[in-house]
C-alpha atoms as a PDB file:
ATOM      1  CA  MET A   1     -94.745 -19.794  -4.315  1.00  0.00           C
ATOM      2  CA  PRO A   2     -91.220 -19.762  -5.723  1.00  0.00           C
ATOM      3  CA  ASN A   3     -88.812 -17.085  -4.619  1.00  0.00           C
ATOM      4  CA  GLN A   4     -86.388 -15.127  -6.797  1.00  0.00           C
ATOM      5  CA  GLN A   5     -83.516 -17.573  -6.157  1.00  0.00           C
ATOM      6  CA  GLN A   6     -85.628 -20.559  -7.187  1.00  0.00           C
ATOM      7  CA  VAL A   7     -86.733 -18.851 -10.387  1.00  0.00           C
ATOM      8  CA  SER A   8     -83.152 -17.828 -11.185  1.00  0.00           C
ATOM      9  CA  ALA A   9     -81.862 -21.352 -10.519  1.00  0.00           C
ATOM     10  CA  ALA A  10     -84.546 -22.868 -12.763  1.00  0.00           C
ATOM     11  CA  ILE A  11     -83.691 -20.550 -15.634  1.00  0.00           C
ATOM     12  CA  ASN A  12     -79.988 -21.195 -15.174  1.00  0.00           C
ATOM     13  CA  ARG A  13     -80.669 -24.941 -15.429  1.00  0.00           C
ATOM     14  CA  LEU A  14     -82.574 -24.338 -18.652  1.00  0.00           C
ATOM     15  CA  LEU A  15     -79.779 -22.227 -20.052  1.00  0.00           C
ATOM     16  CA  ALA A  16     -77.183 -24.804 -19.031  1.00  0.00           C
ATOM     17  CA  GLY A  17     -78.634 -27.197 -21.579  1.00  0.00           C
ATOM     18  CA  LYS A  18     -81.118 -29.263 -19.601  1.00  0.00           C
ATOM     19  CA  ILE A  19     -83.587 -28.449 -22.351  1.00  0.00           C
ATOM     20  CA  GLY A  20     -82.647 -28.152 -26.014  1.00  0.00           C
ATOM     21  CA  CYS A  21     -83.120 -24.941 -27.943  1.00  0.00           C
ATOM     22  CA  LEU A  22     -84.792 -22.437 -25.677  1.00  0.00           C
ATOM     23  CA  ASP A  23     -86.578 -19.422 -27.126  1.00  0.00           C
ATOM     24  CA  LEU A  24     -86.126 -16.899 -24.314  1.00  0.00           C
ATOM     25  CA  HIS A  25     -87.902 -14.136 -26.193  1.00  0.00           C
ATOM     26  CA  GLY A  26     -90.853 -16.409 -26.934  1.00  0.00           C
ATOM     27  CA  LEU A  27     -91.013 -17.497 -23.303  1.00  0.00           C
ATOM     28  CA  LEU A  28     -90.858 -13.864 -22.238  1.00  0.00           C
ATOM     29  CA  GLN A  29     -93.701 -12.946 -24.590  1.00  0.00           C
ATOM     30  CA  ASP A  30     -95.809 -15.888 -23.423  1.00  0.00           C
ATOM     31  CA  THR A  31     -95.226 -14.974 -19.792  1.00  0.00           C
ATOM     32  CA  ARG A  32     -96.144 -11.337 -20.426  1.00  0.00           C
ATOM     33  CA  ARG A  33     -99.288 -12.486 -22.224  1.00  0.00           C
ATOM     34  CA  THR A  34    -100.246 -14.711 -19.300  1.00  0.00           C
ATOM     35  CA  LEU A  35     -99.700 -11.835 -16.889  1.00  0.00           C
ATOM     36  CA  ALA A  36    -101.802  -9.518 -19.058  1.00  0.00           C
ATOM     37  CA  ASN A  37    -104.601 -12.110 -19.104  1.00  0.00           C
ATOM     38  CA  LEU A  38    -104.481 -12.386 -15.302  1.00  0.00           C
ATOM     39  CA  ASP A  39    -104.610  -8.599 -14.983  1.00  0.00           C
ATOM     40  CA  PHE A  40    -107.515  -8.334 -17.430  1.00  0.00           C
ATOM     41  CA  ALA A  41    -109.519 -11.014 -15.618  1.00  0.00           C
ATOM     42  CA  HIS A  42    -108.851  -9.293 -12.283  1.00  0.00           C
ATOM     43  CA  ARG A  43    -109.973  -5.880 -13.588  1.00  0.00           C
ATOM     44  CA  HIS A  44    -113.116  -7.438 -15.040  1.00  0.00           C
ATOM     45  CA  GLU A  45    -113.974  -9.172 -11.762  1.00  0.00           C
ATOM     46  CA  VAL A  46    -113.337  -6.001  -9.725  1.00  0.00           C
ATOM     47  CA  GLN A  47    -115.572  -3.980 -12.061  1.00  0.00           C
ATOM     48  CA  ARG A  48    -118.288  -6.615 -11.765  1.00  0.00           C
ATOM     49  CA  ILE A  49    -118.145  -6.503  -7.954  1.00  0.00           C
ATOM     50  CA  GLU A  50    -117.984  -2.702  -7.782  1.00  0.00           C
ATOM     51  CA  SER A  51    -121.024  -2.313 -10.020  1.00  0.00           C
ATOM     52  CA  GLY A  52    -123.032  -4.786  -7.938  1.00  0.00           C
ATOM     53  CA  LYS A  53    -125.841  -3.964  -5.568  1.00  0.00           C
ATOM     54  CA  ALA A  54    -124.225  -5.374  -2.431  1.00  0.00           C
ATOM     55  CA  ASP A  55    -123.439  -3.205   0.563  1.00  0.00           C
ATOM     56  CA  PRO A  56    -120.516  -0.859  -0.270  1.00  0.00           C
ATOM     57  CA  ALA A  57    -118.504  -2.037   2.740  1.00  0.00           C
ATOM     58  CA  LEU A  58    -118.937  -5.654   1.646  1.00  0.00           C
ATOM     59  CA  ARG A  59    -117.937  -4.764  -1.926  1.00  0.00           C
ATOM     60  CA  ARG A  60    -114.766  -3.070  -0.665  1.00  0.00           C
ATOM     61  CA  GLN A  61    -113.942  -6.137   1.434  1.00  0.00           C
ATOM     62  CA  ILE A  62    -114.477  -8.479  -1.509  1.00  0.00           C
ATOM     63  CA  VAL A  63    -112.375  -6.296  -3.818  1.00  0.00           C
ATOM     64  CA  ALA A  64    -109.594  -6.171  -1.225  1.00  0.00           C
ATOM     65  CA  GLY A  65    -109.588  -9.975  -1.038  1.00  0.00           C
ATOM     66  CA  LEU A  66    -109.589 -10.293  -4.824  1.00  0.00           C
ATOM     67  CA  THR A  67    -106.722  -7.821  -5.099  1.00  0.00           C
ATOM     68  CA  GLU A  68    -104.646  -9.650  -2.508  1.00  0.00           C
ATOM     69  CA  ARG A  69    -105.223 -12.969  -4.275  1.00  0.00           C
ATOM     70  CA  HIS A  70    -104.407 -11.342  -7.617  1.00  0.00           C
ATOM     71  CA  TYR A  71    -101.036 -10.031  -6.417  1.00  0.00           C
ATOM     72  CA  LYS A  72    -100.126 -13.431  -4.986  1.00  0.00           C
ATOM     73  CA  ARG A  73    -101.050 -15.102  -8.287  1.00  0.00           C
ATOM     74  CA  ARG A  74     -99.088 -12.673 -10.425  1.00  0.00           C
ATOM     75  CA  GLN A  75     -95.910 -12.546  -8.321  1.00  0.00           C
ATOM     76  CA  PRO A  76     -94.294 -15.695  -9.828  1.00  0.00           C
ATOM     77  CA  TYR A  77     -94.877 -14.296 -13.323  1.00  0.00           C
ATOM     78  CA  ILE A  78     -93.324 -10.959 -12.352  1.00  0.00           C
ATOM     79  CA  MET A  79     -90.248 -12.774 -11.028  1.00  0.00           C
ATOM     80  CA  LEU A  80     -90.031 -14.909 -14.158  1.00  0.00           C
ATOM     81  CA  ILE A  81     -90.269 -11.863 -16.425  1.00  0.00           C
ATOM     82  CA  ALA A  82     -87.513 -10.083 -14.489  1.00  0.00           C
ATOM     83  CA  GLU A  83     -85.268 -13.120 -14.686  1.00  0.00           C
ATOM     84  CA  LEU A  84     -85.942 -13.683 -18.384  1.00  0.00           C
ATOM     85  CA  GLN A  85     -85.234 -10.038 -19.121  1.00  0.00           C
ATOM     86  CA  LYS A  86     -81.952 -10.339 -17.250  1.00  0.00           C
ATOM     87  CA  HIS A  87     -80.960 -13.382 -19.300  1.00  0.00           C
ATOM     88  CA  THR A  88     -82.098 -11.995 -22.649  1.00  0.00           C
ATOM     89  CA  SER A  89     -80.222  -8.740 -22.060  1.00  0.00           C
ATOM     90  CA  SER A  90     -77.044 -10.664 -21.242  1.00  0.00           C
ATOM     91  CA  ALA A  91     -77.338 -13.095 -24.163  1.00  0.00           C
ATOM     92  CA  THR A  92     -74.996 -12.616 -27.093  1.00  0.00           C
ATOM     93  CA  PRO A  93     -76.436 -11.958 -30.571  1.00  0.00           C
ATOM     94  CA  TYR A  94     -75.275 -15.458 -31.595  1.00  0.00           C
ATOM     95  CA  GLU A  95     -77.129 -17.077 -28.691  1.00  0.00           C
ATOM     96  CA  LEU A  96     -80.284 -15.134 -29.540  1.00  0.00           C
ATOM     97  CA  GLU A  97     -80.001 -16.130 -33.206  1.00  0.00           C
ATOM     98  CA  MET A  98     -79.568 -19.797 -32.279  1.00  0.00           C
ATOM     99  CA  ALA A  99     -82.648 -19.681 -30.041  1.00  0.00           C
ATOM    100  CA  SER A 100     -84.923 -18.441 -32.814  1.00  0.00           C
END
């Protein structure tokens, strides 16, 4: 799993011109959409487990495992969103216009 420094370094490389025209706002929207899809799938799975007929203690254990896995899966997207927000808020209007 990448850490905050790795994510920041990757975005800085992108912004430094390693890739042509980069739509930061589009990437931010796509990343938010991916995160929302992960969250939706997690909520659906938790609801399915909680409404099951298994022993309540077993259901709680399964939900705890699913929740832990979910947070590990979503963490890179959270870091990416934070970094993209930082870069989009520091971009000049000209840079934003050129990216669209």
